[in-house]
N, C-alpha and C. Protein backbone atom coordinates (compact mmCIF):
# COMPACT_ATOMS: atom_id res chain seq x y z
N UNK A 1 -12.33 13.91 28.11
CA UNK A 1 -10.91 13.94 27.85
C UNK A 1 -10.42 15.38 28.03
N UNK A 2 -9.30 15.51 28.72
CA UNK A 2 -8.70 16.83 28.88
C UNK A 2 -8.01 17.23 27.58
N UNK A 3 -7.51 18.44 27.56
CA UNK A 3 -6.85 18.94 26.36
C UNK A 3 -5.66 18.06 26.00
N UNK A 4 -5.43 17.94 24.73
CA UNK A 4 -4.29 17.17 24.22
C UNK A 4 -3.08 18.08 24.16
N UNK A 5 -1.95 17.58 24.63
CA UNK A 5 -0.71 18.33 24.54
C UNK A 5 0.24 17.60 23.59
N UNK A 6 1.00 18.38 22.88
CA UNK A 6 2.01 17.86 21.96
C UNK A 6 3.36 18.24 22.53
N UNK A 7 4.25 17.27 22.65
CA UNK A 7 5.58 17.58 23.16
C UNK A 7 6.62 16.69 22.52
N UNK A 8 7.85 17.20 22.53
CA UNK A 8 8.97 16.42 22.02
C UNK A 8 9.49 15.52 23.13
N UNK A 9 9.72 14.25 22.79
CA UNK A 9 10.31 13.34 23.77
C UNK A 9 11.74 13.76 24.05
N UNK A 10 12.15 13.53 25.28
CA UNK A 10 13.48 13.91 25.75
C UNK A 10 14.32 12.66 26.02
N UNK A 11 15.66 12.81 26.03
CA UNK A 11 16.50 11.66 26.38
C UNK A 11 16.01 11.01 27.67
N UNK A 12 15.99 9.69 27.66
CA UNK A 12 15.47 8.93 28.78
C UNK A 12 14.03 8.47 28.56
N UNK A 13 13.40 8.97 27.49
CA UNK A 13 12.00 8.61 27.21
C UNK A 13 11.87 7.65 26.04
N UNK A 14 12.93 6.92 25.75
CA UNK A 14 12.88 5.91 24.70
C UNK A 14 11.75 4.90 24.90
N UNK A 15 11.47 4.48 26.16
CA UNK A 15 10.37 3.52 26.35
C UNK A 15 9.01 4.05 25.90
N UNK A 16 8.81 5.35 25.96
CA UNK A 16 7.53 5.91 25.49
C UNK A 16 7.43 5.74 23.98
N UNK A 17 8.52 6.07 23.27
CA UNK A 17 8.53 5.90 21.81
C UNK A 17 8.36 4.43 21.45
N UNK A 18 9.06 3.56 22.15
CA UNK A 18 8.97 2.13 21.88
C UNK A 18 7.53 1.64 22.07
N UNK A 19 6.90 2.04 23.15
CA UNK A 19 5.53 1.58 23.44
C UNK A 19 4.53 2.04 22.39
N UNK A 20 4.56 3.32 22.01
CA UNK A 20 3.58 3.79 21.04
C UNK A 20 3.87 3.23 19.65
N UNK A 21 5.13 3.08 19.31
CA UNK A 21 5.46 2.52 17.99
C UNK A 21 5.02 1.06 17.90
N UNK A 22 5.27 0.28 18.94
CA UNK A 22 4.86 -1.12 18.92
C UNK A 22 3.33 -1.23 18.93
N UNK A 23 2.67 -0.37 19.67
CA UNK A 23 1.20 -0.37 19.68
C UNK A 23 0.68 -0.04 18.28
N UNK A 24 1.25 0.99 17.66
CA UNK A 24 0.82 1.39 16.32
C UNK A 24 1.01 0.25 15.32
N UNK A 25 2.16 -0.40 15.40
CA UNK A 25 2.43 -1.49 14.45
C UNK A 25 1.52 -2.68 14.71
N UNK A 26 1.19 -2.92 15.95
CA UNK A 26 0.26 -4.00 16.27
C UNK A 26 -1.13 -3.74 15.72
N UNK A 27 -1.51 -2.46 15.64
CA UNK A 27 -2.84 -2.10 15.14
C UNK A 27 -2.89 -2.00 13.62
N UNK A 28 -1.78 -1.60 13.00
CA UNK A 28 -1.81 -1.34 11.56
C UNK A 28 -0.45 -1.59 10.93
N UNK A 29 0.05 -2.80 11.07
CA UNK A 29 1.39 -3.15 10.58
C UNK A 29 1.57 -2.88 9.09
N UNK A 30 0.51 -3.00 8.32
CA UNK A 30 0.61 -2.87 6.86
C UNK A 30 1.07 -1.49 6.42
N UNK A 31 0.93 -0.48 7.27
CA UNK A 31 1.33 0.88 6.88
C UNK A 31 2.78 1.20 7.25
N UNK A 32 3.49 0.26 7.84
CA UNK A 32 4.89 0.46 8.21
C UNK A 32 5.78 -0.42 7.34
N UNK A 33 7.01 0.01 7.12
CA UNK A 33 7.96 -0.76 6.32
C UNK A 33 8.39 -2.00 7.07
N UNK A 34 8.77 -1.85 8.32
CA UNK A 34 9.22 -3.01 9.10
C UNK A 34 8.02 -3.77 9.67
N UNK A 35 8.28 -4.99 10.06
CA UNK A 35 7.22 -5.80 10.67
C UNK A 35 7.23 -5.60 12.18
N UNK A 36 6.15 -6.00 12.80
CA UNK A 36 6.06 -5.92 14.26
C UNK A 36 7.17 -6.76 14.88
N UNK A 37 7.42 -7.94 14.33
CA UNK A 37 8.48 -8.81 14.88
C UNK A 37 9.85 -8.13 14.79
N UNK A 38 10.11 -7.45 13.68
CA UNK A 38 11.39 -6.74 13.54
C UNK A 38 11.52 -5.63 14.59
N UNK A 39 10.44 -4.91 14.81
CA UNK A 39 10.47 -3.82 15.80
C UNK A 39 10.62 -4.37 17.22
N UNK A 40 9.92 -5.46 17.51
CA UNK A 40 10.02 -6.07 18.84
C UNK A 40 11.43 -6.58 19.12
N UNK A 41 12.16 -6.94 18.08
CA UNK A 41 13.52 -7.47 18.24
C UNK A 41 14.56 -6.37 18.48
N UNK A 42 14.19 -5.12 18.21
CA UNK A 42 15.13 -4.02 18.42
C UNK A 42 15.37 -3.82 19.92
N UNK A 43 16.62 -3.58 20.30
CA UNK A 43 16.89 -3.34 21.73
C UNK A 43 16.33 -1.99 22.16
N UNK A 44 16.09 -1.85 23.43
CA UNK A 44 15.58 -0.58 23.97
C UNK A 44 16.51 0.57 23.62
N UNK A 45 17.80 0.29 23.48
CA UNK A 45 18.77 1.34 23.16
C UNK A 45 18.50 1.95 21.79
N UNK A 46 17.94 1.18 20.84
CA UNK A 46 17.62 1.73 19.52
C UNK A 46 16.60 2.86 19.66
N UNK A 47 15.57 2.62 20.46
CA UNK A 47 14.52 3.64 20.66
C UNK A 47 15.09 4.84 21.42
N UNK A 48 15.92 4.58 22.39
CA UNK A 48 16.54 5.68 23.15
C UNK A 48 17.45 6.50 22.24
N UNK A 49 18.20 5.84 21.37
CA UNK A 49 19.07 6.55 20.43
C UNK A 49 18.26 7.44 19.49
N UNK A 50 17.12 6.94 19.03
CA UNK A 50 16.26 7.73 18.15
C UNK A 50 15.74 8.97 18.89
N UNK A 51 15.31 8.80 20.13
CA UNK A 51 14.80 9.93 20.90
C UNK A 51 15.89 10.99 21.09
N UNK A 52 17.11 10.54 21.34
CA UNK A 52 18.21 11.48 21.57
C UNK A 52 18.62 12.20 20.29
N UNK A 53 18.52 11.53 19.14
CA UNK A 53 19.05 12.09 17.89
C UNK A 53 18.01 12.78 17.02
N UNK A 54 16.76 12.35 17.10
CA UNK A 54 15.74 12.81 16.17
C UNK A 54 14.69 13.67 16.86
N UNK A 55 13.79 14.20 16.06
CA UNK A 55 12.65 14.93 16.61
C UNK A 55 11.46 13.98 16.70
N UNK A 56 11.17 13.52 17.90
CA UNK A 56 10.05 12.60 18.09
C UNK A 56 9.04 13.29 19.00
N UNK A 57 7.84 13.44 18.49
CA UNK A 57 6.78 14.16 19.19
C UNK A 57 5.64 13.21 19.51
N UNK A 58 5.02 13.42 20.67
CA UNK A 58 3.86 12.63 21.06
C UNK A 58 2.70 13.56 21.40
N UNK A 59 1.51 13.03 21.21
CA UNK A 59 0.28 13.70 21.64
C UNK A 59 -0.20 12.95 22.87
N UNK A 60 -0.48 13.69 23.95
CA UNK A 60 -0.90 13.08 25.21
C UNK A 60 -2.17 13.74 25.74
N UNK A 61 -3.03 12.94 26.35
CA UNK A 61 -4.22 13.42 27.03
C UNK A 61 -4.54 12.45 28.14
N UNK A 62 -4.84 12.96 29.29
CA UNK A 62 -5.21 12.13 30.45
C UNK A 62 -4.15 11.07 30.74
N UNK A 63 -2.89 11.42 30.56
CA UNK A 63 -1.81 10.50 30.86
C UNK A 63 -1.60 9.40 29.83
N UNK A 64 -2.30 9.47 28.71
CA UNK A 64 -2.18 8.46 27.67
C UNK A 64 -1.57 9.07 26.41
N UNK A 65 -0.65 8.35 25.79
CA UNK A 65 -0.10 8.76 24.50
C UNK A 65 -1.09 8.34 23.42
N UNK A 66 -1.54 9.32 22.64
CA UNK A 66 -2.54 9.07 21.60
C UNK A 66 -1.96 9.05 20.19
N UNK A 67 -0.73 9.53 20.04
CA UNK A 67 -0.15 9.57 18.72
C UNK A 67 1.30 9.97 18.77
N UNK A 68 1.95 9.84 17.62
CA UNK A 68 3.38 10.18 17.53
C UNK A 68 3.74 10.52 16.10
N UNK A 69 4.83 11.26 15.98
CA UNK A 69 5.47 11.51 14.70
C UNK A 69 6.97 11.60 14.97
N UNK A 70 7.76 11.06 14.05
CA UNK A 70 9.21 11.05 14.21
C UNK A 70 9.87 11.49 12.91
N UNK A 71 10.86 12.37 13.05
CA UNK A 71 11.62 12.84 11.89
C UNK A 71 13.10 12.81 12.24
N UNK A 72 13.88 12.38 11.27
CA UNK A 72 15.32 12.37 11.45
C UNK A 72 16.00 12.85 10.19
N UNK A 73 17.24 13.37 10.33
CA UNK A 73 17.97 13.83 9.16
C UNK A 73 18.49 12.65 8.34
N UNK A 74 18.67 12.87 7.07
CA UNK A 74 19.31 11.86 6.22
C UNK A 74 20.77 11.73 6.66
N UNK A 75 21.35 10.55 6.49
CA UNK A 75 22.69 10.27 7.00
C UNK A 75 23.81 10.76 6.10
N UNK A 76 23.64 10.66 4.80
CA UNK A 76 24.71 11.02 3.87
C UNK A 76 24.96 12.53 3.89
N UNK A 77 26.22 12.92 3.83
CA UNK A 77 26.60 14.33 3.93
C UNK A 77 25.86 15.20 2.92
N UNK A 78 25.70 14.73 1.70
CA UNK A 78 25.05 15.53 0.66
C UNK A 78 23.53 15.56 0.79
N UNK A 79 23.00 14.79 1.73
CA UNK A 79 21.54 14.75 1.93
C UNK A 79 21.12 15.29 3.30
N UNK A 80 22.05 15.80 4.07
CA UNK A 80 21.71 16.25 5.42
C UNK A 80 20.81 17.48 5.46
N UNK A 81 20.59 18.09 4.33
CA UNK A 81 19.64 19.21 4.28
C UNK A 81 18.20 18.71 4.23
N UNK A 82 18.04 17.37 4.17
CA UNK A 82 16.72 16.76 4.10
C UNK A 82 16.43 15.97 5.37
N UNK A 83 15.19 16.06 5.82
CA UNK A 83 14.73 15.24 6.93
C UNK A 83 13.69 14.26 6.42
N UNK A 84 13.59 13.12 7.09
CA UNK A 84 12.64 12.08 6.68
C UNK A 84 11.69 11.79 7.83
N UNK A 85 10.41 11.94 7.59
CA UNK A 85 9.42 11.51 8.58
C UNK A 85 9.32 10.00 8.43
N UNK A 86 9.70 9.28 9.49
CA UNK A 86 9.75 7.83 9.38
C UNK A 86 8.73 7.13 10.27
N UNK A 87 7.95 7.88 10.99
CA UNK A 87 6.91 7.25 11.80
C UNK A 87 5.84 8.28 12.10
N UNK A 88 4.59 7.94 11.80
CA UNK A 88 3.45 8.81 12.08
C UNK A 88 2.27 7.92 12.37
N UNK A 89 1.60 8.17 13.49
CA UNK A 89 0.45 7.34 13.84
C UNK A 89 -0.39 8.03 14.90
N UNK A 90 -1.70 7.90 14.78
CA UNK A 90 -2.64 8.34 15.80
C UNK A 90 -3.52 7.14 16.15
N UNK A 91 -3.62 6.85 17.44
CA UNK A 91 -4.45 5.72 17.87
C UNK A 91 -5.91 5.96 17.47
N UNK A 92 -6.68 4.91 17.27
CA UNK A 92 -8.08 5.07 16.86
C UNK A 92 -8.88 6.02 17.76
N UNK A 93 -8.66 5.96 19.06
CA UNK A 93 -9.42 6.83 19.97
C UNK A 93 -9.02 8.30 19.88
N UNK A 94 -7.93 8.59 19.19
CA UNK A 94 -7.49 9.97 19.02
C UNK A 94 -7.81 10.55 17.65
N UNK A 95 -8.33 9.74 16.77
CA UNK A 95 -8.58 10.18 15.40
C UNK A 95 -9.80 11.09 15.30
N UNK A 96 -9.77 11.97 14.30
CA UNK A 96 -10.89 12.88 14.08
C UNK A 96 -10.92 14.05 15.04
N UNK A 97 -9.84 14.28 15.76
CA UNK A 97 -9.78 15.36 16.76
C UNK A 97 -8.68 16.37 16.47
N UNK A 98 -8.08 16.28 15.29
CA UNK A 98 -7.03 17.22 14.91
C UNK A 98 -5.65 16.87 15.46
N UNK A 99 -5.51 15.70 16.06
CA UNK A 99 -4.23 15.32 16.66
C UNK A 99 -3.16 15.13 15.58
N UNK A 100 -3.51 14.50 14.48
CA UNK A 100 -2.55 14.31 13.40
C UNK A 100 -2.02 15.64 12.88
N UNK A 101 -2.91 16.59 12.69
CA UNK A 101 -2.50 17.91 12.23
C UNK A 101 -1.62 18.62 13.24
N UNK A 102 -1.94 18.48 14.51
CA UNK A 102 -1.12 19.10 15.56
C UNK A 102 0.26 18.47 15.65
N UNK A 103 0.32 17.14 15.53
CA UNK A 103 1.61 16.47 15.52
C UNK A 103 2.45 16.92 14.32
N UNK A 104 1.81 17.00 13.15
CA UNK A 104 2.54 17.41 11.96
C UNK A 104 3.03 18.84 12.09
N UNK A 105 2.23 19.73 12.66
CA UNK A 105 2.65 21.12 12.84
C UNK A 105 3.87 21.20 13.75
N UNK A 106 3.87 20.44 14.84
CA UNK A 106 5.02 20.44 15.76
C UNK A 106 6.26 19.88 15.07
N UNK A 107 6.08 18.83 14.29
CA UNK A 107 7.18 18.22 13.56
C UNK A 107 7.77 19.21 12.56
N UNK A 108 6.94 19.91 11.83
CA UNK A 108 7.42 20.87 10.83
C UNK A 108 8.07 22.08 11.48
N UNK A 109 7.56 22.53 12.62
CA UNK A 109 8.20 23.63 13.36
C UNK A 109 9.62 23.24 13.75
N UNK A 110 9.77 22.04 14.25
CA UNK A 110 11.10 21.52 14.61
C UNK A 110 11.97 21.41 13.36
N UNK A 111 11.42 20.85 12.30
CA UNK A 111 12.19 20.61 11.07
C UNK A 111 12.73 21.90 10.48
N UNK A 112 11.96 22.98 10.58
CA UNK A 112 12.41 24.27 10.02
C UNK A 112 13.73 24.73 10.64
N UNK A 113 14.02 24.26 11.83
CA UNK A 113 15.26 24.65 12.52
C UNK A 113 16.45 23.78 12.11
N UNK A 114 16.21 22.63 11.50
CA UNK A 114 17.31 21.69 11.26
C UNK A 114 17.48 21.23 9.81
N UNK A 115 16.46 21.36 8.98
CA UNK A 115 16.57 20.90 7.59
C UNK A 115 15.87 21.88 6.65
N UNK A 116 16.12 21.72 5.37
CA UNK A 116 15.49 22.56 4.35
C UNK A 116 14.29 21.89 3.70
N UNK A 117 14.32 20.56 3.65
CA UNK A 117 13.30 19.78 2.96
C UNK A 117 12.87 18.63 3.87
N UNK A 118 11.58 18.32 3.86
CA UNK A 118 11.07 17.15 4.59
C UNK A 118 10.46 16.21 3.57
N UNK A 119 10.79 14.94 3.71
CA UNK A 119 10.25 13.90 2.84
C UNK A 119 9.51 12.87 3.69
N UNK A 120 8.64 12.13 3.04
CA UNK A 120 7.96 11.01 3.68
C UNK A 120 7.48 10.05 2.62
N UNK A 121 7.17 8.86 3.07
CA UNK A 121 6.62 7.82 2.20
C UNK A 121 5.36 7.31 2.89
N UNK A 122 4.29 7.16 2.12
CA UNK A 122 3.01 6.72 2.67
C UNK A 122 2.39 5.69 1.73
N UNK A 123 1.76 4.69 2.30
CA UNK A 123 1.04 3.70 1.49
C UNK A 123 -0.04 4.45 0.70
N UNK A 124 -0.08 4.22 -0.59
CA UNK A 124 -0.94 5.01 -1.47
C UNK A 124 -2.43 4.92 -1.14
N UNK A 125 -2.85 3.82 -0.55
CA UNK A 125 -4.27 3.65 -0.23
C UNK A 125 -4.66 4.27 1.11
N UNK A 126 -3.70 4.83 1.85
CA UNK A 126 -3.97 5.47 3.13
C UNK A 126 -4.40 6.91 2.86
N UNK A 127 -5.64 7.05 2.36
CA UNK A 127 -6.12 8.35 1.90
C UNK A 127 -6.23 9.38 3.01
N UNK A 128 -6.52 8.96 4.22
CA UNK A 128 -6.59 9.91 5.34
C UNK A 128 -5.22 10.53 5.58
N UNK A 129 -4.18 9.70 5.59
CA UNK A 129 -2.82 10.21 5.79
C UNK A 129 -2.40 11.09 4.61
N UNK A 130 -2.68 10.67 3.39
CA UNK A 130 -2.31 11.47 2.23
C UNK A 130 -2.98 12.85 2.32
N UNK A 131 -4.25 12.89 2.70
CA UNK A 131 -4.96 14.17 2.85
C UNK A 131 -4.32 15.04 3.92
N UNK A 132 -3.94 14.43 5.03
CA UNK A 132 -3.27 15.17 6.10
C UNK A 132 -1.98 15.80 5.58
N UNK A 133 -1.17 15.00 4.90
CA UNK A 133 0.11 15.50 4.40
C UNK A 133 -0.09 16.60 3.36
N UNK A 134 -1.05 16.41 2.47
CA UNK A 134 -1.31 17.45 1.47
C UNK A 134 -1.81 18.72 2.13
N UNK A 135 -2.62 18.60 3.17
CA UNK A 135 -3.11 19.81 3.86
C UNK A 135 -1.98 20.53 4.60
N UNK A 136 -0.90 19.81 4.90
CA UNK A 136 0.27 20.42 5.54
C UNK A 136 1.25 20.96 4.51
N UNK A 137 0.90 20.86 3.23
CA UNK A 137 1.73 21.43 2.18
C UNK A 137 2.66 20.47 1.47
N UNK A 138 2.56 19.18 1.76
CA UNK A 138 3.39 18.20 1.07
C UNK A 138 2.86 17.98 -0.34
N UNK A 139 3.80 17.71 -1.25
CA UNK A 139 3.46 17.43 -2.64
C UNK A 139 3.94 16.03 -3.00
N UNK A 140 3.20 15.39 -3.87
CA UNK A 140 3.60 14.07 -4.37
C UNK A 140 4.71 14.25 -5.40
N UNK A 141 5.73 13.40 -5.33
CA UNK A 141 6.76 13.47 -6.36
C UNK A 141 7.08 12.12 -6.97
N UNK A 142 6.59 11.04 -6.40
CA UNK A 142 6.83 9.73 -7.01
C UNK A 142 5.78 8.73 -6.53
N UNK A 143 5.52 7.79 -7.40
CA UNK A 143 4.64 6.66 -7.08
C UNK A 143 5.49 5.41 -7.25
N UNK A 144 5.52 4.58 -6.23
CA UNK A 144 6.33 3.36 -6.27
C UNK A 144 5.41 2.14 -6.23
N UNK A 145 5.18 1.52 -7.38
CA UNK A 145 4.32 0.33 -7.38
C UNK A 145 5.00 -0.84 -6.69
N UNK A 146 4.18 -1.65 -6.02
CA UNK A 146 4.66 -2.86 -5.35
C UNK A 146 5.83 -2.57 -4.42
N UNK A 147 5.73 -1.49 -3.68
CA UNK A 147 6.82 -1.05 -2.81
C UNK A 147 7.06 -2.00 -1.64
N UNK A 148 5.99 -2.54 -1.09
CA UNK A 148 6.10 -3.45 0.05
C UNK A 148 5.43 -4.77 -0.28
N UNK A 149 6.11 -5.85 0.06
CA UNK A 149 5.53 -7.19 -0.10
C UNK A 149 5.26 -7.73 1.29
N UNK A 150 4.02 -7.99 1.56
CA UNK A 150 3.58 -8.44 2.89
C UNK A 150 3.67 -9.96 3.00
N UNK A 151 3.63 -10.44 4.22
CA UNK A 151 3.79 -11.87 4.50
C UNK A 151 2.76 -12.73 3.76
N UNK A 152 1.57 -12.17 3.53
CA UNK A 152 0.53 -12.93 2.83
C UNK A 152 0.68 -12.90 1.31
N UNK A 153 1.76 -12.27 0.83
CA UNK A 153 2.03 -12.24 -0.60
C UNK A 153 1.47 -11.03 -1.33
N UNK A 154 0.63 -10.24 -0.68
CA UNK A 154 0.08 -9.07 -1.36
C UNK A 154 1.08 -7.92 -1.31
N UNK A 155 0.91 -6.98 -2.22
CA UNK A 155 1.79 -5.82 -2.34
C UNK A 155 1.00 -4.56 -2.04
N UNK A 156 1.71 -3.55 -1.56
CA UNK A 156 1.13 -2.21 -1.47
C UNK A 156 2.05 -1.24 -2.20
N UNK A 157 1.43 -0.21 -2.75
CA UNK A 157 2.16 0.83 -3.46
C UNK A 157 2.41 2.00 -2.51
N UNK A 158 3.49 2.73 -2.77
CA UNK A 158 3.83 3.88 -1.94
C UNK A 158 3.78 5.17 -2.74
N UNK A 159 3.42 6.25 -2.04
CA UNK A 159 3.56 7.61 -2.56
C UNK A 159 4.74 8.24 -1.84
N UNK A 160 5.59 8.91 -2.59
CA UNK A 160 6.70 9.67 -2.01
C UNK A 160 6.28 11.14 -2.06
N UNK A 161 6.42 11.81 -0.92
CA UNK A 161 5.98 13.20 -0.82
C UNK A 161 7.10 14.06 -0.24
N UNK A 162 7.04 15.35 -0.52
CA UNK A 162 8.05 16.26 0.00
C UNK A 162 7.45 17.63 0.27
N UNK A 163 8.17 18.38 1.11
CA UNK A 163 7.78 19.76 1.41
C UNK A 163 9.07 20.56 1.58
N UNK A 164 9.14 21.65 0.86
CA UNK A 164 10.29 22.56 0.99
C UNK A 164 10.01 23.53 2.13
N UNK A 165 10.97 23.65 3.05
CA UNK A 165 10.82 24.53 4.20
C UNK A 165 11.59 25.84 4.03
N UNK A 166 12.72 25.78 3.34
CA UNK A 166 13.59 26.96 3.18
C UNK A 166 13.94 27.13 1.72
């Protein structure tokens, strides 16, 4: 495998975000708030709008996207100083190679230019992700029991984390 590059998606690259997000959800739907069916129902314009408005970064090697992270500002005027990481995933073949850390570093570099605080929510049992976020300086600030109810009736709990940038 050649070196992995991290880059921000540009307008017109919505299909890249759509493809990696749908792939990620197909592999590990339980770690996302929305279902695969909900994501598949979104028009291509939704993904293009996200690429144009938010900071969406991908990790690529040998012409393949191996991971992604997406951050967007909060919508309410009094919360626009905060950004929310709403999508983070590394494909199984990219794991254990520092790709998650590199994606997070690129995301935080971008965030420092546009927000003061970054927040995220992670399934509490996703210990690898929690460790990654803590190593990037995120702190836990809330535990939400039974945050997600899955189609099979089981629940997962969420951790809410934050990092002050400014």
